[in-house]
Protein backbone atom coordinates (compact mmCIF):
# COMPACT_ATOMS: atom_id res chain seq x y z
CA MET A 1 -0.05 0.02 -0.11
CA LYS A 2 1.00 3.58 -0.56
CA ILE A 3 0.46 6.62 1.24
CA LYS A 4 0.66 9.83 -0.96
CA ILE A 5 0.97 13.43 0.58
CA LEU A 6 -0.31 15.22 -2.80
CA ALA A 7 0.38 19.03 -1.43
CA ALA A 8 3.75 17.94 -1.03
CA GLY A 9 4.72 15.67 -3.68
CA ILE A 10 5.77 12.84 -1.39
CA ALA A 11 4.64 9.05 -1.32
CA LEU A 12 4.90 6.86 1.57
CA THR A 13 4.45 2.89 1.46
CA LEU A 14 2.66 1.32 4.38
CA PRO A 15 0.65 -1.92 4.77
CA PHE A 16 -2.95 -1.09 5.60
CA TRP A 17 -6.47 -2.36 5.68
CA ALA A 18 -9.05 -3.25 2.62
CA CYS A 19 -11.94 -1.26 3.50
CA ALA A 20 -12.15 2.45 2.77
CA LYS A 21 -12.38 4.91 5.30
CA ASP A 22 -10.82 7.96 7.03
CA VAL A 23 -8.24 7.41 9.59
CA THR A 24 -7.68 10.43 11.81
CA ILE A 25 -4.44 10.82 14.10
CA ILE A 26 -4.83 14.00 16.53
CA TYR A 27 -1.54 14.95 18.36
CA THR A 28 0.16 17.28 20.77
CA ASN A 29 3.37 17.16 22.84
CA ASP A 30 5.21 19.22 25.29
CA LEU A 31 1.89 20.45 26.87
CA HIS A 32 3.63 21.84 30.05
CA ALA A 33 0.95 21.99 32.20
CA HIS A 34 -0.72 25.13 30.69
CA VAL A 35 -4.06 23.99 31.48
CA GLU A 36 -5.70 27.36 30.88
CA PRO A 37 -5.49 29.44 27.79
CA TYR A 38 -2.65 32.21 27.87
CA LYS A 39 -0.91 34.64 25.71
CA VAL A 40 2.10 34.49 23.91
CA PRO A 41 4.02 37.45 22.03
CA TRP A 42 4.13 35.84 18.75
CA ILE A 43 0.70 35.02 18.31
CA ALA A 44 -1.95 37.75 17.16
CA ASP A 45 0.56 40.25 18.73
CA GLY A 46 -0.06 38.87 22.30
CA LYS A 47 -3.49 40.01 22.05
CA ARG A 48 -5.41 36.54 22.12
CA ASP A 49 -5.54 33.92 24.82
CA ILE A 50 -4.30 30.71 22.98
CA GLY A 51 -4.35 26.70 24.00
CA GLY A 52 -6.24 25.55 27.18
CA TRP A 53 -6.60 21.65 27.79
CA ALA A 54 -10.49 22.27 28.13
CA ASN A 55 -10.22 23.40 24.73
CA ILE A 56 -8.36 20.80 23.45
CA THR A 57 -10.69 18.33 24.92
CA THR A 58 -13.54 20.00 23.08
CA LEU A 59 -11.47 19.99 19.79
CA VAL A 60 -10.51 16.02 19.97
CA LYS A 61 -14.20 15.20 21.29
CA GLN A 62 -15.72 17.12 17.89
CA GLU A 63 -13.20 14.95 15.84
CA LYS A 64 -13.85 11.60 17.71
CA ALA A 65 -17.86 12.31 17.04
CA LYS A 66 -17.24 13.22 13.18
CA ASN A 67 -15.09 9.78 12.68
CA LYS A 68 -14.91 6.65 14.51
CA ALA A 69 -11.44 5.89 13.47
CA THR A 70 -9.91 8.85 15.29
CA TRP A 71 -6.56 8.30 17.80
CA PHE A 72 -5.57 11.27 20.14
CA PHE A 73 -1.72 10.92 21.09
CA ASP A 74 0.83 12.82 23.09
CA ALA A 75 4.73 12.70 22.83
CA GLY A 76 5.43 13.55 26.57
CA ASP A 77 6.53 16.46 29.02
CA TYR A 78 2.73 17.11 30.27
CA PHE A 79 4.36 17.86 33.53
CA THR A 80 6.11 21.24 34.92
CA GLY A 81 5.06 24.73 33.61
CA PRO A 82 2.69 26.69 35.47
CA TYR A 83 2.23 26.13 39.66
CA ILE A 84 -0.21 23.64 39.03
CA SER A 85 1.78 20.83 38.14
CA SER A 86 5.03 22.17 40.45
CA LEU A 87 2.74 22.45 43.33
CA THR A 88 1.19 18.99 43.20
CA LYS A 89 4.14 16.93 41.79
CA GLY A 90 1.99 16.30 38.69
CA LYS A 91 -1.03 14.97 40.63
CA ALA A 92 -3.34 17.84 39.12
CA ILE A 93 -2.09 17.20 35.57
CA ILE A 94 -2.96 13.51 35.67
CA ASP A 95 -6.09 14.28 37.16
CA ILE A 96 -6.82 16.74 34.55
CA MET A 97 -5.84 14.55 31.67
CA ASN A 98 -7.87 11.99 32.99
CA THR A 99 -11.29 13.97 31.44
CA MET A 100 -9.11 14.18 28.07
CA PRO A 101 -9.89 11.81 25.50
CA PHE A 102 -6.26 10.36 25.21
CA ASP A 103 -5.65 6.93 23.46
CA ALA A 104 -2.08 6.83 23.97
CA VAL A 105 0.75 8.94 25.62
CA THR A 106 4.64 8.54 26.49
CA ILE A 107 7.05 9.66 29.52
CA GLY A 108 8.90 12.93 28.79
CA ASN A 109 11.84 14.29 30.82
CA HIS A 110 9.68 16.44 32.87
CA GLU A 111 7.66 13.64 34.17
CA PHE A 112 10.71 12.67 36.36
CA ASP A 113 11.41 16.27 37.61
CA HIS A 114 10.07 15.11 41.32
CA GLY A 115 11.77 11.80 41.21
CA TRP A 116 11.24 8.33 39.31
CA ASP A 117 9.32 7.21 42.30
CA ASN A 118 6.80 10.27 42.22
CA THR A 119 6.86 9.29 38.20
CA LEU A 120 5.49 5.79 39.23
CA LEU A 121 3.07 7.35 41.75
CA GLN A 122 1.17 9.82 39.59
CA LEU A 123 1.37 8.01 36.40
CA SER A 124 -0.11 4.84 38.24
CA GLN A 125 -3.36 7.03 38.52
CA ALA A 126 -3.79 7.50 34.68
CA LYS A 127 -7.00 6.17 33.34
CA PHE A 128 -5.38 6.22 29.50
CA PRO A 129 -2.42 3.89 28.23
CA ILE A 130 0.94 5.27 29.16
CA VAL A 131 3.66 3.79 26.68
CA GLN A 132 7.30 3.70 27.51
CA GLY A 133 9.71 0.87 26.63
CA ASN A 134 13.43 1.64 26.87
CA VAL A 135 13.87 2.94 30.30
CA PHE A 136 14.86 0.07 32.58
CA TYR A 137 16.24 0.02 36.08
CA GLN A 138 20.06 0.07 36.15
CA ASN A 139 21.94 -3.41 36.09
CA SER A 140 18.76 -4.91 35.42
CA SER A 141 16.50 -6.06 32.48
CA LYS A 142 13.63 -4.85 34.26
CA SER A 143 11.84 -2.28 32.55
CA PHE A 144 10.72 1.01 34.62
CA TRP A 145 7.39 0.96 32.83
CA ASP A 146 5.57 -2.36 32.01
CA LYS A 147 3.88 -1.13 28.78
CA PRO A 148 6.34 -0.52 25.87
CA TYR A 149 3.60 -0.44 23.21
CA THR A 150 0.22 -0.82 23.12
CA ILE A 151 -2.62 -2.21 19.96
CA ILE A 152 -5.37 0.21 19.72
CA GLU A 153 -8.41 -0.93 17.27
CA LYS A 154 -11.13 1.54 16.10
CA ASP A 155 -13.74 0.94 13.40
CA GLY A 156 -11.43 -2.11 12.18
CA VAL A 157 -8.43 -0.66 12.04
CA LYS A 158 -5.63 -1.65 14.53
CA ILE A 159 -2.64 1.04 15.22
CA GLY A 160 0.64 -0.33 17.42
CA VAL A 161 1.74 2.65 19.40
CA ILE A 162 5.46 2.79 20.96
CA GLY A 163 6.84 4.96 23.62
CA LEU A 164 10.28 5.57 23.73
CA HIS A 165 12.90 8.39 25.24
CA GLY A 166 15.83 9.64 23.40
CA VAL A 167 18.91 8.44 25.76
CA PHE A 168 20.84 12.00 25.06
CA ALA A 169 17.80 13.62 26.02
CA PHE A 170 17.44 11.58 29.04
CA ASN A 171 20.87 12.11 30.41
CA ASP A 172 20.74 15.53 29.64
CA THR A 173 17.45 17.01 30.68
CA VAL A 174 16.58 14.52 33.70
CA SER A 175 18.53 15.66 36.65
CA ALA A 176 21.46 12.96 37.97
CA ALA A 177 19.70 13.35 41.35
CA THR A 178 16.19 12.23 40.04
CA ARG A 179 17.44 9.23 37.70
CA VAL A 180 19.91 7.65 40.21
CA GLY A 181 18.50 4.11 39.80
CA ILE A 182 17.33 3.83 36.11
CA GLU A 183 18.33 4.60 32.72
CA ALA A 184 17.56 4.93 29.26
CA ARG A 185 18.97 2.61 26.62
CA ASP A 186 19.54 2.60 22.90
CA GLU A 187 15.93 3.89 21.47
CA ILE A 188 17.03 2.68 17.72
CA LYS A 189 17.57 -0.57 19.05
CA TRP A 190 14.51 -1.01 21.14
CA LEU A 191 12.63 0.85 18.69
CA GLN A 192 13.29 -1.70 15.85
CA ARG A 193 12.38 -4.61 18.30
CA TYR A 194 9.15 -3.23 19.18
CA ILE A 195 8.30 -2.36 15.61
CA ASP A 196 9.32 -6.13 14.63
CA GLU A 197 6.92 -7.39 17.45
CA LEU A 198 3.82 -5.48 16.14
CA LYS A 199 4.68 -6.70 12.40
CA GLY A 200 1.48 -8.39 11.17
CA LYS A 201 -0.45 -7.54 14.07
CA VAL A 202 -1.23 -3.69 13.39
CA ASP A 203 -2.39 -1.82 10.10
CA LEU A 204 0.13 1.18 11.24
CA THR A 205 3.00 1.63 13.73
CA VAL A 206 2.99 4.90 15.32
CA ALA A 207 6.27 5.98 17.60
CA LEU A 208 5.67 8.70 20.43
CA ILE A 209 9.26 9.73 21.25
CA HIS A 210 10.79 12.18 23.47
CA GLU A 211 14.32 12.85 22.04
CA GLY A 212 16.65 15.35 20.57
CA VAL A 213 17.72 19.18 21.96
CA PRO A 214 15.39 20.87 24.21
CA ALA A 215 13.03 23.88 23.52
CA ARG A 216 14.98 25.74 20.73
CA GLN A 217 11.81 27.75 19.76
CA SER A 218 12.78 31.75 20.14
CA SER A 219 11.13 33.85 22.48
CA MET A 220 9.76 35.36 18.94
CA GLY A 221 8.33 32.07 18.26
CA GLY A 222 10.61 31.68 15.01
CA THR A 223 12.85 28.63 14.59
CA ASP A 224 14.40 25.99 11.98
CA VAL A 225 12.36 22.92 12.19
CA ARG A 226 14.24 20.46 10.08
CA ARG A 227 17.14 21.48 11.98
CA ALA A 228 15.69 21.33 15.61
CA LEU A 229 14.29 17.84 14.51
CA ASP A 230 17.79 16.40 13.38
CA LYS A 231 17.50 13.72 15.58
CA ASP A 232 14.16 12.56 14.91
CA ILE A 233 15.22 12.51 11.27
CA GLN A 234 18.40 10.54 12.29
CA THR A 235 15.77 8.13 14.14
CA ALA A 236 13.77 7.69 11.11
CA SER A 237 16.38 6.71 8.75
CA GLN A 238 17.56 4.16 11.15
CA VAL A 239 14.49 1.66 11.31
CA LYS A 240 12.51 -0.15 9.18
CA GLY A 241 8.71 -0.16 9.26
CA LEU A 242 7.85 2.67 11.15
CA ASP A 243 5.18 4.51 9.53
CA ILE A 244 4.46 7.52 11.96
CA LEU A 245 6.83 9.50 14.28
CA ILE A 246 5.47 11.81 16.73
CA THR A 247 7.85 13.94 18.58
CA GLY A 248 8.36 15.82 21.52
CA HIS A 249 11.01 17.76 23.14
CA ALA A 250 12.16 20.42 20.66
CA HIS A 251 9.11 22.73 21.38
CA VAL A 252 8.84 22.93 17.65
CA GLY A 253 5.79 22.29 15.18
CA THR A 254 5.95 20.90 11.94
CA PRO A 255 4.33 23.04 9.52
CA GLU A 256 3.82 19.91 7.30
CA PRO A 257 4.79 16.18 7.80
CA ILE A 258 8.41 15.72 7.34
CA LYS A 259 9.04 12.33 5.25
CA VAL A 260 12.04 10.40 5.93
CA GLY A 261 12.40 7.21 3.58
CA ASN A 262 8.81 5.52 4.51
CA THR A 263 8.42 7.60 7.69
CA LEU A 264 6.37 10.61 8.50
CA ILE A 265 7.79 12.57 11.65
CA LEU A 266 4.94 15.06 13.26
CA SER A 267 5.26 17.55 15.89
CA THR A 268 3.76 20.07 17.64
CA ASP A 269 4.93 23.68 19.39
CA SER A 270 5.01 23.89 23.18
CA GLY A 271 2.18 24.44 25.94
CA GLY A 272 -0.68 23.81 23.75
CA ILE A 273 -0.39 26.51 21.26
CA ASP A 274 -1.20 24.43 18.46
CA VAL A 275 -2.66 20.66 17.99
CA GLY A 276 -1.74 18.23 15.10
CA LYS A 277 -4.38 16.93 12.64
CA LEU A 278 -3.20 14.14 10.47
CA VAL A 279 -6.27 12.66 8.10
CA LEU A 280 -5.12 9.54 5.90
CA ASP A 281 -7.57 8.66 3.22
CA TYR A 282 -7.38 5.02 2.32
CA LYS A 283 -8.84 3.68 -0.78
CA GLU A 284 -9.90 0.19 -1.17
CA LYS A 285 -8.61 0.00 -4.95
CA PRO A 286 -5.88 -0.14 -5.83
CA HIS A 287 -5.12 -0.26 -2.12
CA ASP A 288 -3.71 2.92 -1.26
CA PHE A 289 -4.49 6.10 0.61
CA THR A 290 -3.42 9.82 0.69
CA VAL A 291 -2.93 12.04 3.07
CA LYS A 292 -6.35 13.93 2.40
CA ASN A 293 -5.87 16.73 5.17
CA PHE A 294 -3.16 18.03 7.49
CA GLU A 295 -3.34 20.73 9.91
CA LEU A 296 -1.00 22.55 12.36
CA LYS A 297 -4.15 24.20 14.22
CA THR A 298 -3.39 27.16 16.46
CA ILE A 299 -5.81 26.94 19.24
CA TYR A 300 -7.50 30.34 19.81
CA ALA A 301 -9.77 30.17 22.97
CA ASP A 302 -12.13 32.65 21.93
CA GLU A 303 -12.99 30.15 19.27
CA TRP A 304 -13.91 27.00 21.51
CA LYS A 305 -16.54 26.32 24.12
CA PRO A 306 -14.10 24.64 26.94
CA ASP A 307 -15.16 21.03 27.84
CA PRO A 308 -17.17 21.32 30.87
CA GLN A 309 -15.68 18.25 32.68
CA THR A 310 -11.90 19.16 32.10
CA LYS A 311 -12.80 22.80 33.11
CA GLN A 312 -14.40 21.98 36.42
CA VAL A 313 -11.50 19.74 36.93
CA ILE A 314 -9.12 22.51 36.32
CA ASP A 315 -11.10 25.26 38.23
CA GLY A 316 -11.48 22.83 41.12
CA TRP A 317 -7.42 22.34 41.57
CA ASN A 318 -7.19 25.84 41.10
CA LYS A 319 -9.35 26.82 44.09
CA LYS A 320 -7.32 24.35 46.28
CA LEU A 321 -4.20 25.89 45.45
CA ASP A 322 -5.43 29.86 45.65
CA GLU A 323 -4.49 30.00 49.15
CA VAL A 324 -0.67 29.23 48.48
CA VAL A 325 -0.33 31.11 45.19
CA GLN A 326 -2.31 34.30 46.06
CA GLN A 327 0.21 35.04 48.82
CA THR A 328 2.44 38.32 47.98
CA VAL A 329 6.19 37.32 48.47
CA ALA A 330 7.32 39.92 46.22
CA LYS A 331 6.90 42.83 43.80
CA SER A 332 8.56 43.87 40.82
CA PRO A 333 7.85 47.16 38.88
CA VAL A 334 8.62 45.64 35.59
CA GLU A 335 7.23 42.61 33.96
CA LEU A 336 10.21 39.64 34.68
CA LYS A 337 10.49 37.83 31.39
CA ARG A 338 12.36 34.55 30.54
CA ALA A 339 14.42 33.78 27.09
CA TYR A 340 16.23 30.76 25.86
CA GLY A 341 19.93 31.31 24.56
CA GLU A 342 19.98 34.88 26.32
CA SER A 343 20.02 37.11 29.07
CA ALA A 344 16.69 37.41 30.48
CA SER A 345 15.05 39.48 33.73
CA LEU A 346 13.50 36.26 35.11
CA GLY A 347 16.56 34.00 34.59
CA ASN A 348 18.52 36.61 36.38
CA LEU A 349 16.60 37.02 39.33
CA ALA A 350 16.49 33.06 39.58
CA ALA A 351 20.38 32.79 39.14
CA ASP A 352 20.91 35.90 41.78
CA ALA A 353 18.39 34.07 44.49
CA LEU A 354 20.78 30.78 44.09
CA LEU A 355 24.01 32.89 44.68
CA VAL A 356 22.43 34.45 47.88
CA ALA A 357 20.93 31.26 49.06
CA ALA A 358 24.52 29.49 48.62
CA GLY A 359 26.11 32.27 50.48
CA LYS A 360 27.62 33.83 47.35
CA LYS A 361 26.30 37.20 47.03
CA HIS A 362 24.54 39.60 48.95
CA PRO A 363 20.92 39.87 49.30
CA ILE A 364 19.37 41.78 45.75
CA GLY A 365 16.37 43.31 45.25
CA VAL A 366 14.23 43.30 42.17
CA ASN A 367 14.99 47.11 41.36
CA GLN A 368 18.87 46.36 41.37
CA LEU A 369 18.06 43.23 39.38
CA TRP A 370 16.36 45.30 36.79
CA ARG A 371 18.83 47.83 36.52
CA HIS A 372 21.83 45.11 36.17
CA SER A 373 20.05 43.35 33.28
CA GLN A 374 19.95 46.30 31.16
């Protein structure tokens, strides 16, 4: 069988099923606990709220109502971002995700931020499949997570979903203290192994991989997509039989699928700014299908009615945490900003606070910090 991406002029050979139908794959990555809508300066000049998990729930439910053969995946890093994750060590995040129609997700580096024992504790409460197949206990053949992949059948279509974490990304961004006792092992080797195990059992093989270099998106929202996803391109070129690779970690959305051999690479931007949607149109004769539609859809909050169940859980957690977060601990006369790869006022404040705590610097106020950062 062949997948043809007509708009891009590329074809991808895949085995598939015998009946004609559309197959829809919706995906996210690096949601980073941005459960509520927020503004970013590079979208609508920072004037419109974007994202929000209750809005994403609405979108996915609408798509699933239109087509039974619809799947919703996430490639990791749903923990860590706004305080709702940090103050609850991810408990609130899993509680919220349990109201969302995920079909499978994998584990990113930030799910380990509070230690791998906490990872197991929080993720054990998930009511959706979590797949991870190449993190092991050190000096052991025992897997950290007991489900490397899952097979999900809808409307007669079977998709095998594999979860992995890049070794470099794991060692680079999971702190040494929180990964004592566990390790990531060769993602290429294990990916090929699981693909081979799924061969003949599924119609389509999808990998959810958290790998590469982290968060290369600039403060202005610009990036070189292929360069940022270079590790994923390498991965796709080194395995056989992988149909779709949905990746996380780089915080970079693919404006169109990246084709490597017979594999399509897909990704979204971070923070729930956008959601990816791939629609495959299968034609029974001559037994091939095309990429009927692809969209990296920006989620403008004013265009969606939040899902009431997801919103209720978010509001409930916000109410629980209000007593803590509404306390004034300091005041800043200016907006504190962060940036990747460059000096920023928020980063300077954090760095100076660490120096003061370590006794390496005298206490410094926000006003002084602002003058020093100019």
